[in-house]
Amino acid sequence: ESAETNSTVGGVELAVKLSPDADLAA
C-alpha cells in the first residue's frame, strides 16, 4: 500500500505497509 526507503551505509531499509492479504515472501 505504501513504501518509504531509508538508505544507510550498510544497506537499504524499506518500510512498507501491506494489504491484509499480501504475500510477504513474494
mmCIF file of all heavy atoms, coordinates in Angstrom:
data_MODEL
# 
_entry.id   MODEL 
# 
loop_
_atom_site.group_PDB 
_atom_site.id 
_atom_site.type_symbol 
_atom_site.label_atom_id 
_atom_site.label_alt_id 
_atom_site.label_comp_id 
_atom_site.label_asym_id 
_atom_site.label_entity_id 
_atom_site.label_seq_id 
_atom_site.pdbx_PDB_ins_code 
_atom_site.Cartn_x 
_atom_site.Cartn_y 
_atom_site.Cartn_z 
_atom_site.occupancy 
_atom_site.B_iso_or_equiv 
_atom_site.pdbx_formal_charge 
_atom_site.auth_seq_id 
_atom_site.auth_comp_id 
_atom_site.auth_asym_id 
_atom_site.auth_atom_id 
_atom_site.pdbx_PDB_model_num 
ATOM 1   N N   . GLU A 1 1  ? 0.820  -1.213  0.000  1.00 0.00 ? 1  GLU A N   1 
ATOM 2   C CA  . GLU A 1 1  ? 0.000  0.000   0.000  1.00 0.00 ? 1  GLU A CA  1 
ATOM 3   C C   . GLU A 1 1  ? 0.855  1.263   0.000  1.00 0.00 ? 1  GLU A C   1 
ATOM 4   O O   . GLU A 1 1  ? 0.521  2.237   -0.654 1.00 0.00 ? 1  GLU A O   1 
ATOM 5   C CB  . GLU A 1 1  ? -0.936 -0.015  1.208  1.00 0.00 ? 1  GLU A CB  1 
ATOM 6   C CG  . GLU A 1 1  ? -1.984 -1.106  1.124  1.00 0.00 ? 1  GLU A CG  1 
ATOM 7   C CD  . GLU A 1 1  ? -2.901 -1.143  2.329  1.00 0.00 ? 1  GLU A CD  1 
ATOM 8   O OE1 . GLU A 1 1  ? -2.695 -0.357  3.284  1.00 0.00 ? 1  GLU A OE1 1 
ATOM 9   O OE2 . GLU A 1 1  ? -3.822 -1.976  2.333  1.00 0.00 ? 1  GLU A OE2 1 
ATOM 10  N N   . SER A 1 2  ? 1.946  1.254   0.755  1.00 0.00 ? 2  SER A N   1 
ATOM 11  C CA  . SER A 1 2  ? 2.851  2.398   0.769  1.00 0.00 ? 2  SER A CA  1 
ATOM 12  C C   . SER A 1 2  ? 4.253  1.917   1.116  1.00 0.00 ? 2  SER A C   1 
ATOM 13  O O   . SER A 1 2  ? 4.423  0.847   1.709  1.00 0.00 ? 2  SER A O   1 
ATOM 14  C CB  . SER A 1 2  ? 2.394  3.454   1.777  1.00 0.00 ? 2  SER A CB  1 
ATOM 15  O OG  . SER A 1 2  ? 2.479  2.947   3.087  1.00 0.00 ? 2  SER A OG  1 
ATOM 16  N N   . ALA A 1 3  ? 5.251  2.724   0.719  1.00 0.00 ? 3  ALA A N   1 
ATOM 17  C CA  . ALA A 1 3  ? 6.639  2.360   0.975  1.00 0.00 ? 3  ALA A CA  1 
ATOM 18  C C   . ALA A 1 3  ? 7.462  3.615   1.224  1.00 0.00 ? 3  ALA A C   1 
ATOM 19  O O   . ALA A 1 3  ? 7.211  4.658   0.630  1.00 0.00 ? 3  ALA A O   1 
ATOM 20  C CB  . ALA A 1 3  ? 7.205  1.588   -0.205 1.00 0.00 ? 3  ALA A CB  1 
ATOM 21  N N   . GLU A 1 4  ? 8.429  3.471   2.115  1.00 0.00 ? 4  GLU A N   1 
ATOM 22  C CA  . GLU A 1 4  ? 9.340  4.567   2.405  1.00 0.00 ? 4  GLU A CA  1 
ATOM 23  C C   . GLU A 1 4  ? 10.738 3.984   2.593  1.00 0.00 ? 4  GLU A C   1 
ATOM 24  O O   . GLU A 1 4  ? 10.939 3.097   3.423  1.00 0.00 ? 4  GLU A O   1 
ATOM 25  C CB  . GLU A 1 4  ? 8.904  5.317   3.659  1.00 0.00 ? 4  GLU A CB  1 
ATOM 26  C CG  . GLU A 1 4  ? 9.742  6.529   3.952  1.00 0.00 ? 4  GLU A CG  1 
ATOM 27  C CD  . GLU A 1 4  ? 9.260  7.279   5.169  1.00 0.00 ? 4  GLU A CD  1 
ATOM 28  O OE1 . GLU A 1 4  ? 8.050  7.260   5.448  1.00 0.00 ? 4  GLU A OE1 1 
ATOM 29  O OE2 . GLU A 1 4  ? 10.110 7.873   5.839  1.00 0.00 ? 4  GLU A OE2 1 
ATOM 30  N N   . THR A 1 5  ? 11.690 4.493   1.841  1.00 0.00 ? 5  THR A N   1 
ATOM 31  C CA  . THR A 1 5  ? 13.046 3.976   1.851  1.00 0.00 ? 5  THR A CA  1 
ATOM 32  C C   . THR A 1 5  ? 13.956 4.868   2.672  1.00 0.00 ? 5  THR A C   1 
ATOM 33  O O   . THR A 1 5  ? 13.845 6.087   2.641  1.00 0.00 ? 5  THR A O   1 
ATOM 34  C CB  . THR A 1 5  ? 13.593 3.888   0.414  1.00 0.00 ? 5  THR A CB  1 
ATOM 35  O OG1 . THR A 1 5  ? 12.674 3.163   -0.381 1.00 0.00 ? 5  THR A OG1 1 
ATOM 36  C CG2 . THR A 1 5  ? 14.923 3.190   0.373  1.00 0.00 ? 5  THR A CG2 1 
ATOM 37  N N   . ASN A 1 6  ? 14.876 4.229   3.383  1.00 0.00 ? 6  ASN A N   1 
ATOM 38  C CA  . ASN A 1 6  ? 15.917 4.933   4.114  1.00 0.00 ? 6  ASN A CA  1 
ATOM 39  C C   . ASN A 1 6  ? 17.232 4.240   3.800  1.00 0.00 ? 6  ASN A C   1 
ATOM 40  O O   . ASN A 1 6  ? 17.425 3.081   4.148  1.00 0.00 ? 6  ASN A O   1 
ATOM 41  C CB  . ASN A 1 6  ? 15.633 4.922   5.619  1.00 0.00 ? 6  ASN A CB  1 
ATOM 42  C CG  . ASN A 1 6  ? 16.641 5.726   6.396  1.00 0.00 ? 6  ASN A CG  1 
ATOM 43  O OD1 . ASN A 1 6  ? 17.326 6.580   5.854  1.00 0.00 ? 6  ASN A OD1 1 
ATOM 44  N ND2 . ASN A 1 6  ? 16.739 5.436   7.674  1.00 0.00 ? 6  ASN A ND2 1 
ATOM 45  N N   . SER A 1 7  ? 18.125 4.946   3.141  1.00 0.00 ? 7  SER A N   1 
ATOM 46  C CA  . SER A 1 7  ? 19.409 4.380   2.766  1.00 0.00 ? 7  SER A CA  1 
ATOM 47  C C   . SER A 1 7  ? 20.420 4.603   3.875  1.00 0.00 ? 7  SER A C   1 
ATOM 48  O O   . SER A 1 7  ? 20.565 5.706   4.383  1.00 0.00 ? 7  SER A O   1 
ATOM 49  C CB  . SER A 1 7  ? 19.902 5.025   1.470  1.00 0.00 ? 7  SER A CB  1 
ATOM 50  O OG  . SER A 1 7  ? 21.103 4.437   1.065  1.00 0.00 ? 7  SER A OG  1 
ATOM 51  N N   . THR A 1 8  ? 21.095 3.526   4.273  1.00 0.00 ? 8  THR A N   1 
ATOM 52  C CA  . THR A 1 8  ? 22.135 3.604   5.290  1.00 0.00 ? 8  THR A CA  1 
ATOM 53  C C   . THR A 1 8  ? 23.445 3.151   4.669  1.00 0.00 ? 8  THR A C   1 
ATOM 54  O O   . THR A 1 8  ? 23.482 2.720   3.518  1.00 0.00 ? 8  THR A O   1 
ATOM 55  C CB  . THR A 1 8  ? 21.797 2.719   6.502  1.00 0.00 ? 8  THR A CB  1 
ATOM 56  O OG1 . THR A 1 8  ? 21.706 1.357   6.070  1.00 0.00 ? 8  THR A OG1 1 
ATOM 57  C CG2 . THR A 1 8  ? 20.483 3.135   7.146  1.00 0.00 ? 8  THR A CG2 1 
ATOM 58  N N   . VAL A 1 9  ? 24.514 3.221   5.433  1.00 0.00 ? 9  VAL A N   1 
ATOM 59  C CA  . VAL A 1 9  ? 25.825 2.843   4.916  1.00 0.00 ? 9  VAL A CA  1 
ATOM 60  C C   . VAL A 1 9  ? 25.865 1.352   4.581  1.00 0.00 ? 9  VAL A C   1 
ATOM 61  O O   . VAL A 1 9  ? 26.359 0.952   3.541  1.00 0.00 ? 9  VAL A O   1 
ATOM 62  C CB  . VAL A 1 9  ? 26.928 3.196   5.945  1.00 0.00 ? 9  VAL A CB  1 
ATOM 63  C CG1 . VAL A 1 9  ? 28.279 2.706   5.470  1.00 0.00 ? 9  VAL A CG1 1 
ATOM 64  C CG2 . VAL A 1 9  ? 26.952 4.690   6.186  1.00 0.00 ? 9  VAL A CG2 1 
ATOM 65  N N   . GLY A 1 10 ? 25.305 0.510   5.437  1.00 0.00 ? 10 GLY A N   1 
ATOM 66  C CA  . GLY A 1 10 ? 25.379 -0.930  5.248  1.00 0.00 ? 10 GLY A CA  1 
ATOM 67  C C   . GLY A 1 10 ? 24.292 -1.527  4.385  1.00 0.00 ? 10 GLY A C   1 
ATOM 68  O O   . GLY A 1 10 ? 24.395 -2.671  3.959  1.00 0.00 ? 10 GLY A O   1 
ATOM 69  N N   . GLY A 1 11 ? 23.241 -0.797  4.124  1.00 0.00 ? 11 GLY A N   1 
ATOM 70  C CA  . GLY A 1 11 ? 22.147 -1.371  3.357  1.00 0.00 ? 11 GLY A CA  1 
ATOM 71  C C   . GLY A 1 11 ? 21.043 -0.377  3.100  1.00 0.00 ? 11 GLY A C   1 
ATOM 72  O O   . GLY A 1 11 ? 21.196 0.820   3.320  1.00 0.00 ? 11 GLY A O   1 
ATOM 73  N N   . VAL A 1 12 ? 19.937 -0.927  2.645  1.00 0.00 ? 12 VAL A N   1 
ATOM 74  C CA  . VAL A 1 12 ? 18.760 -0.112  2.355  1.00 0.00 ? 12 VAL A CA  1 
ATOM 75  C C   . VAL A 1 12 ? 17.610 -0.648  3.190  1.00 0.00 ? 12 VAL A C   1 
ATOM 76  O O   . VAL A 1 12 ? 17.294 -1.837  3.132  1.00 0.00 ? 12 VAL A O   1 
ATOM 77  C CB  . VAL A 1 12 ? 18.409 -0.174  0.847  1.00 0.00 ? 12 VAL A CB  1 
ATOM 78  C CG1 . VAL A 1 12 ? 17.150 0.597   0.567  1.00 0.00 ? 12 VAL A CG1 1 
ATOM 79  C CG2 . VAL A 1 12 ? 19.551 0.341   0.004  1.00 0.00 ? 12 VAL A CG2 1 
ATOM 80  N N   . GLU A 1 13 ? 17.004 0.232   3.984  1.00 0.00 ? 13 GLU A N   1 
ATOM 81  C CA  . GLU A 1 13 ? 15.860 -0.156  4.804  1.00 0.00 ? 13 GLU A CA  1 
ATOM 82  C C   . GLU A 1 13 ? 14.594 0.334   4.120  1.00 0.00 ? 13 GLU A C   1 
ATOM 83  O O   . GLU A 1 13 ? 14.470 1.513   3.820  1.00 0.00 ? 13 GLU A O   1 
ATOM 84  C CB  . GLU A 1 13 ? 15.972 0.459   6.191  1.00 0.00 ? 13 GLU A CB  1 
ATOM 85  C CG  . GLU A 1 13 ? 14.866 0.042   7.118  1.00 0.00 ? 13 GLU A CG  1 
ATOM 86  C CD  . GLU A 1 13 ? 15.053 0.585   8.511  1.00 0.00 ? 13 GLU A CD  1 
ATOM 87  O OE1 . GLU A 1 13 ? 15.950 0.092   9.206  1.00 0.00 ? 13 GLU A OE1 1 
ATOM 88  O OE2 . GLU A 1 13 ? 14.305 1.512   8.879  1.00 0.00 ? 13 GLU A OE2 1 
ATOM 89  N N   . LEU A 1 14 ? 13.694 -0.586  3.864  1.00 0.00 ? 14 LEU A N   1 
ATOM 90  C CA  . LEU A 1 14 ? 12.443 -0.259  3.196  1.00 0.00 ? 14 LEU A CA  1 
ATOM 91  C C   . LEU A 1 14 ? 11.291 -0.571  4.135  1.00 0.00 ? 14 LEU A C   1 
ATOM 92  O O   . LEU A 1 14 ? 11.055 -1.726  4.484  1.00 0.00 ? 14 LEU A O   1 
ATOM 93  C CB  . LEU A 1 14 ? 12.307 -1.066  1.898  1.00 0.00 ? 14 LEU A CB  1 
ATOM 94  C CG  . LEU A 1 14 ? 11.067 -0.825  1.071  1.00 0.00 ? 14 LEU A CG  1 
ATOM 95  C CD1 . LEU A 1 14 ? 11.005 0.622   0.587  1.00 0.00 ? 14 LEU A CD1 1 
ATOM 96  C CD2 . LEU A 1 14 ? 11.035 -1.763  -0.110 1.00 0.00 ? 14 LEU A CD2 1 
ATOM 97  N N   . ALA A 1 15 ? 10.601 0.478   4.580  1.00 0.00 ? 15 ALA A N   1 
ATOM 98  C CA  . ALA A 1 15 ? 9.436  0.330   5.457  1.00 0.00 ? 15 ALA A CA  1 
ATOM 99  C C   . ALA A 1 15 ? 8.192  0.303   4.577  1.00 0.00 ? 15 ALA A C   1 
ATOM 100 O O   . ALA A 1 15 ? 7.965  1.230   3.803  1.00 0.00 ? 15 ALA A O   1 
ATOM 101 C CB  . ALA A 1 15 ? 9.366  1.473   6.449  1.00 0.00 ? 15 ALA A CB  1 
ATOM 102 N N   . VAL A 1 16 ? 7.425  -0.777  4.659  1.00 0.00 ? 16 VAL A N   1 
ATOM 103 C CA  . VAL A 1 16 ? 6.240  -0.929  3.817  1.00 0.00 ? 16 VAL A CA  1 
ATOM 104 C C   . VAL A 1 16 ? 5.003  -1.141  4.673  1.00 0.00 ? 16 VAL A C   1 
ATOM 105 O O   . VAL A 1 16 ? 5.070  -1.663  5.782  1.00 0.00 ? 16 VAL A O   1 
ATOM 106 C CB  . VAL A 1 16 ? 6.394  -2.114  2.832  1.00 0.00 ? 16 VAL A CB  1 
ATOM 107 C CG1 . VAL A 1 16 ? 7.488  -1.857  1.831  1.00 0.00 ? 16 VAL A CG1 1 
ATOM 108 C CG2 . VAL A 1 16 ? 6.630  -3.416  3.558  1.00 0.00 ? 16 VAL A CG2 1 
ATOM 109 N N   . LYS A 1 17 ? 3.878  -0.726  4.128  1.00 0.00 ? 17 LYS A N   1 
ATOM 110 C CA  . LYS A 1 17 ? 2.565  -1.029  4.704  1.00 0.00 ? 17 LYS A CA  1 
ATOM 111 C C   . LYS A 1 17 ? 1.908  -1.962  3.705  1.00 0.00 ? 17 LYS A C   1 
ATOM 112 O O   . LYS A 1 17 ? 1.789  -1.635  2.521  1.00 0.00 ? 17 LYS A O   1 
ATOM 113 C CB  . LYS A 1 17 ? 1.749  0.238   4.883  1.00 0.00 ? 17 LYS A CB  1 
ATOM 114 C CG  . LYS A 1 17 ? 0.416  -0.008  5.563  1.00 0.00 ? 17 LYS A CG  1 
ATOM 115 C CD  . LYS A 1 17 ? -0.280 1.308   5.852  1.00 0.00 ? 17 LYS A CD  1 
ATOM 116 C CE  . LYS A 1 17 ? -1.523 1.145   6.678  1.00 0.00 ? 17 LYS A CE  1 
ATOM 117 N NZ  . LYS A 1 17 ? -2.529 0.289   6.152  1.00 0.00 ? 17 LYS A NZ  1 
ATOM 118 N N   . LEU A 1 18 ? 1.513  -3.139  4.172  1.00 0.00 ? 18 LEU A N   1 
ATOM 119 C CA  . LEU A 1 18 ? 0.974  -4.168  3.294  1.00 0.00 ? 18 LEU A CA  1 
ATOM 120 C C   . LEU A 1 18 ? -0.536 -4.285  3.455  1.00 0.00 ? 18 LEU A C   1 
ATOM 121 O O   . LEU A 1 18 ? -1.082 -4.005  4.515  1.00 0.00 ? 18 LEU A O   1 
ATOM 122 C CB  . LEU A 1 18 ? 1.617  -5.520  3.603  1.00 0.00 ? 18 LEU A CB  1 
ATOM 123 C CG  . LEU A 1 18 ? 3.126  -5.604  3.481  1.00 0.00 ? 18 LEU A CG  1 
ATOM 124 C CD1 . LEU A 1 18 ? 3.607  -6.981  3.880  1.00 0.00 ? 18 LEU A CD1 1 
ATOM 125 C CD2 . LEU A 1 18 ? 3.580  -5.269  2.075  1.00 0.00 ? 18 LEU A CD2 1 
ATOM 126 N N   . SER A 1 19 ? -1.171 -4.757  2.395  1.00 0.00 ? 19 SER A N   1 
ATOM 127 C CA  . SER A 1 19 ? -2.587 -5.075  2.486  1.00 0.00 ? 19 SER A CA  1 
ATOM 128 C C   . SER A 1 19 ? -2.726 -6.373  3.292  1.00 0.00 ? 19 SER A C   1 
ATOM 129 O O   . SER A 1 19 ? -1.787 -7.155  3.375  1.00 0.00 ? 19 SER A O   1 
ATOM 130 C CB  . SER A 1 19 ? -3.189 -5.226  1.086  1.00 0.00 ? 19 SER A CB  1 
ATOM 131 O OG  . SER A 1 19 ? -2.584 -6.307  0.414  1.00 0.00 ? 19 SER A OG  1 
ATOM 132 N N   . PRO A 1 20 ? -3.885 -6.612  3.899  1.00 0.00 ? 20 PRO A N   1 
ATOM 133 C CA  . PRO A 1 20 ? -4.044 -7.799  4.751  1.00 0.00 ? 20 PRO A CA  1 
ATOM 134 C C   . PRO A 1 20 ? -3.827 -9.128  4.031  1.00 0.00 ? 20 PRO A C   1 
ATOM 135 O O   . PRO A 1 20 ? -3.426 -10.100 4.647  1.00 0.00 ? 20 PRO A O   1 
ATOM 136 C CB  . PRO A 1 20 ? -5.489 -7.686  5.254  1.00 0.00 ? 20 PRO A CB  1 
ATOM 137 C CG  . PRO A 1 20 ? -5.826 -6.251  5.145  1.00 0.00 ? 20 PRO A CG  1 
ATOM 138 C CD  . PRO A 1 20 ? -5.054 -5.736  3.973  1.00 0.00 ? 20 PRO A CD  1 
ATOM 139 N N   . ASP A 1 21 ? -4.070 -9.182  2.734  1.00 0.00 ? 21 ASP A N   1 
ATOM 140 C CA  . ASP A 1 21 ? -3.915 -10.445 2.007  1.00 0.00 ? 21 ASP A CA  1 
ATOM 141 C C   . ASP A 1 21 ? -2.613 -10.516 1.220  1.00 0.00 ? 21 ASP A C   1 
ATOM 142 O O   . ASP A 1 21 ? -2.468 -11.351 0.335  1.00 0.00 ? 21 ASP A O   1 
ATOM 143 C CB  . ASP A 1 21 ? -5.112 -10.651 1.074  1.00 0.00 ? 21 ASP A CB  1 
ATOM 144 C CG  . ASP A 1 21 ? -5.245 -9.520  0.064  1.00 0.00 ? 21 ASP A CG  1 
ATOM 145 O OD1 . ASP A 1 21 ? -4.685 -8.435  0.306  1.00 0.00 ? 21 ASP A OD1 1 
ATOM 146 O OD2 . ASP A 1 21 ? -5.905 -9.727  -0.969 1.00 0.00 ? 21 ASP A OD2 1 
ATOM 147 N N   . ALA A 1 22 ? -1.642 -9.699  1.537  1.00 0.00 ? 22 ALA A N   1 
ATOM 148 C CA  . ALA A 1 22 ? -0.374 -9.647  0.801  1.00 0.00 ? 22 ALA A CA  1 
ATOM 149 C C   . ALA A 1 22 ? 0.451  -10.909 1.045  1.00 0.00 ? 22 ALA A C   1 
ATOM 150 O O   . ALA A 1 22 ? 0.410  -11.508 2.122  1.00 0.00 ? 22 ALA A O   1 
ATOM 151 C CB  . ALA A 1 22 ? 0.415  -8.424  1.214  1.00 0.00 ? 22 ALA A CB  1 
ATOM 152 N N   . ASP A 1 23 ? 1.217  -11.297 0.029  1.00 0.00 ? 23 ASP A N   1 
ATOM 153 C CA  . ASP A 1 23 ? 2.130  -12.427 0.118  1.00 0.00 ? 23 ASP A CA  1 
ATOM 154 C C   . ASP A 1 23 ? 3.518  -11.865 0.419  1.00 0.00 ? 23 ASP A C   1 
ATOM 155 O O   . ASP A 1 23 ? 4.197  -11.344 -0.453 1.00 0.00 ? 23 ASP A O   1 
ATOM 156 C CB  . ASP A 1 23 ? 2.127  -13.210 -1.197 1.00 0.00 ? 23 ASP A CB  1 
ATOM 157 C CG  . ASP A 1 23 ? 2.983  -14.455 -1.145 1.00 0.00 ? 23 ASP A CG  1 
ATOM 158 O OD1 . ASP A 1 23 ? 3.613  -14.717 -0.103 1.00 0.00 ? 23 ASP A OD1 1 
ATOM 159 O OD2 . ASP A 1 23 ? 3.032  -15.169 -2.166 1.00 0.00 ? 23 ASP A OD2 1 
ATOM 160 N N   . LEU A 1 24 ? 3.942  -11.977 1.669  1.00 0.00 ? 24 LEU A N   1 
ATOM 161 C CA  . LEU A 1 24 ? 5.169  -11.358 2.143  1.00 0.00 ? 24 LEU A CA  1 
ATOM 162 C C   . LEU A 1 24 ? 6.406  -11.878 1.411  1.00 0.00 ? 24 LEU A C   1 
ATOM 163 O O   . LEU A 1 24 ? 7.273  -11.094 1.007  1.00 0.00 ? 24 LEU A O   1 
ATOM 164 C CB  . LEU A 1 24 ? 5.294  -11.580 3.649  1.00 0.00 ? 24 LEU A CB  1 
ATOM 165 C CG  . LEU A 1 24 ? 6.410  -10.874 4.386  1.00 0.00 ? 24 LEU A CG  1 
ATOM 166 C CD1 . LEU A 1 24 ? 6.278  -9.365  4.233  1.00 0.00 ? 24 LEU A CD1 1 
ATOM 167 C CD2 . LEU A 1 24 ? 6.391  -11.253 5.857  1.00 0.00 ? 24 LEU A CD2 1 
ATOM 168 N N   . ALA A 1 25 ? 6.505  -13.178 1.224  1.00 0.00 ? 25 ALA A N   1 
ATOM 169 C CA  . ALA A 1 25 ? 7.676  -13.757 0.557  1.00 0.00 ? 25 ALA A CA  1 
ATOM 170 C C   . ALA A 1 25 ? 7.755  -13.310 -0.898 1.00 0.00 ? 25 ALA A C   1 
ATOM 171 O O   . ALA A 1 25 ? 8.844  -12.982 -1.400 1.00 0.00 ? 25 ALA A O   1 
ATOM 172 C CB  . ALA A 1 25 ? 7.631  -15.281 0.647  1.00 0.00 ? 25 ALA A CB  1 
ATOM 173 N N   . ALA A 1 26 ? 6.630  -13.288 -1.595 1.00 0.00 ? 26 ALA A N   1 
ATOM 174 C CA  . ALA A 1 26 ? 6.630  -12.861 -2.997 1.00 0.00 ? 26 ALA A CA  1 
ATOM 175 C C   . ALA A 1 26 ? 7.008  -11.390 -3.112 1.00 0.00 ? 26 ALA A C   1 
ATOM 176 O O   . ALA A 1 26 ? 7.739  -10.997 -4.036 1.00 0.00 ? 26 ALA A O   1 
ATOM 177 C CB  . ALA A 1 26 ? 5.256  -13.104 -3.617 1.00 0.00 ? 26 ALA A CB  1 
# 
